[in-house]
Every structure is written in structure tokens, then in C-alpha cells.
Amino acid sequence: MIQNRIKEYRARHNMTQGELADLVGVRRETIGNLEKGRYNPSLVLAWRIAAVFQVTIEEIFTVEA
């Protein structure tokens, strides 16, 4: 399972799910599903999200065994 800190980073940047979705080219629902752990991102989407926040992918996404 992939855990993420998207919600935390959005809060730090005062960003809504819709704003992040627009920046990375997905629907707002996709961001919500990512935050709730219902969806694992593609590598490209994970990279885009990390790029928005100017951090590495590993700072946002971690793999839980």
C-alpha cells in the first residue's frame, strides 16, 4: 500500500483539491481518492504532484509493507 502526505502538503500551500488537480491534469475526485488511499498514482502523476510542491516523490509518497 502506498501512503501519502498530499493533504498535508496542500494545507501547507493553502491549496484545494481542485487547484492541485488542475495543476497536475486530473479531476478533483482523483486527488480525493489519492488522499484517502483508494487509488495509487502512476509514476507520472506522483512526479507531477511532487513537482508542484517542489519536493521529491519520496517526501510525499511512501510504501507500507
C-alpha atoms as a PDB file:
ATOM      1  CA  MET A   1       0.000   0.000   0.000  1.00  0.00           C
ATOM      2  CA  ILE A   2       1.243   3.469  -0.839  1.00  0.00           C
ATOM      3  CA  GLN A   3       0.788   6.101   1.868  1.00  0.00           C
ATOM      4  CA  ASN A   4       0.907   9.778   1.029  1.00  0.00           C
ATOM      5  CA  ARG A   5       1.096  13.225   2.571  1.00  0.00           C
ATOM      6  CA  ILE A   6      -0.793  15.090  -0.163  1.00  0.00           C
ATOM      7  CA  LYS A   7      -3.347  16.588   2.213  1.00  0.00           C
ATOM      8  CA  GLU A   8      -0.582  17.850   4.493  1.00  0.00           C
ATOM      9  CA  TYR A   9       1.280  19.488   1.608  1.00  0.00           C
ATOM     10  CA  ARG A  10      -1.927  21.027   0.242  1.00  0.00           C
ATOM     11  CA  ALA A  11      -2.609  22.546   3.667  1.00  0.00           C
ATOM     12  CA  ARG A  12       0.914  23.982   3.837  1.00  0.00           C
ATOM     13  CA  HIS A  13       0.323  25.668   0.474  1.00  0.00           C
ATOM     14  CA  ASN A  14      -3.299  26.699   1.170  1.00  0.00           C
ATOM     15  CA  MET A  15      -4.371  24.706  -1.867  1.00  0.00           C
ATOM     16  CA  THR A  16      -7.692  22.980  -2.530  1.00  0.00           C
ATOM     17  CA  GLN A  17      -8.033  19.550  -4.067  1.00  0.00           C
ATOM     18  CA  GLY A  18      -9.406  21.223  -7.191  1.00  0.00           C
ATOM     19  CA  GLU A  19      -6.444  23.563  -7.507  1.00  0.00           C
ATOM     20  CA  LEU A  20      -3.970  20.702  -7.202  1.00  0.00           C
ATOM     21  CA  ALA A  21      -5.992  18.629  -9.667  1.00  0.00           C
ATOM     22  CA  ASP A  22      -5.877  21.450 -12.218  1.00  0.00           C
ATOM     23  CA  LEU A  23      -2.107  21.784 -11.820  1.00  0.00           C
ATOM     24  CA  VAL A  24      -1.434  18.085 -12.368  1.00  0.00           C
ATOM     25  CA  GLY A  25      -4.104  17.415 -15.001  1.00  0.00           C
ATOM     26  CA  VAL A  26      -6.576  15.163 -13.166  1.00  0.00           C
ATOM     27  CA  ARG A  27     -10.072  15.510 -11.707  1.00  0.00           C
ATOM     28  CA  ARG A  28     -10.598  16.722  -8.141  1.00  0.00           C
ATOM     29  CA  GLU A  29     -12.052  13.316  -7.273  1.00  0.00           C
ATOM     30  CA  THR A  30      -8.744  11.696  -8.182  1.00  0.00           C
ATOM     31  CA  ILE A  31      -6.911  13.836  -5.630  1.00  0.00           C
ATOM     32  CA  GLY A  32      -9.534  12.979  -3.003  1.00  0.00           C
ATOM     33  CA  ASN A  33      -9.192   9.268  -3.745  1.00  0.00           C
ATOM     34  CA  LEU A  34      -5.404   9.512  -3.535  1.00  0.00           C
ATOM     35  CA  GLU A  35      -5.613  11.242  -0.153  1.00  0.00           C
ATOM     36  CA  LYS A  36      -7.971   8.546   1.169  1.00  0.00           C
ATOM     37  CA  GLY A  37      -5.736   5.731  -0.074  1.00  0.00           C
ATOM     38  CA  ARG A  38      -8.339   4.449  -2.531  1.00  0.00           C
ATOM     39  CA  TYR A  39      -6.079   4.961  -5.528  1.00  0.00           C
ATOM     40  CA  ASN A  40      -2.370   4.527  -6.174  1.00  0.00           C
ATOM     41  CA  PRO A  41      -0.897   7.105  -8.524  1.00  0.00           C
ATOM     42  CA  SER A  42       1.021   6.363 -11.665  1.00  0.00           C
ATOM     43  CA  LEU A  43       4.674   7.302 -11.537  1.00  0.00           C
ATOM     44  CA  VAL A  44       3.969  10.273 -13.811  1.00  0.00           C
ATOM     45  CA  LEU A  45       1.196  11.566 -11.541  1.00  0.00           C
ATOM     46  CA  ALA A  46       3.331  11.107  -8.420  1.00  0.00           C
ATOM     47  CA  TRP A  47       6.125  13.053 -10.134  1.00  0.00           C
ATOM     48  CA  ARG A  48       3.738  15.859 -11.133  1.00  0.00           C
ATOM     49  CA  ILE A  49       2.376  16.173  -7.605  1.00  0.00           C
ATOM     50  CA  ALA A  50       5.881  16.264  -6.128  1.00  0.00           C
ATOM     51  CA  ALA A  51       6.905  18.879  -8.708  1.00  0.00           C
ATOM     52  CA  VAL A  52       4.006  21.155  -7.711  1.00  0.00           C
ATOM     53  CA  PHE A  53       5.275  21.167  -4.127  1.00  0.00           C
ATOM     54  CA  GLN A  54       8.933  21.244  -5.207  1.00  0.00           C
ATOM     55  CA  VAL A  55       9.863  18.144  -3.214  1.00  0.00           C
ATOM     56  CA  THR A  56      10.948  14.614  -4.075  1.00  0.00           C
ATOM     57  CA  ILE A  57       8.403  11.894  -4.685  1.00  0.00           C
ATOM     58  CA  GLU A  58       9.667  10.130  -1.559  1.00  0.00           C
ATOM     59  CA  GLU A  59       8.748  13.117   0.615  1.00  0.00           C
ATOM     60  CA  ILE A  60       5.086  12.720  -0.347  1.00  0.00           C
ATOM     61  CA  PHE A  61       4.722   9.010  -1.092  1.00  0.00           C
ATOM     62  CA  THR A  62       5.938   6.060   0.985  1.00  0.00           C
ATOM     63  CA  VAL A  63       5.388   2.331   0.568  1.00  0.00           C
ATOM     64  CA  GLU A  64       3.936   0.498   3.562  1.00  0.00           C
ATOM     65  CA  ALA A  65       4.653  -3.238   3.629  1.00  0.00           C
END
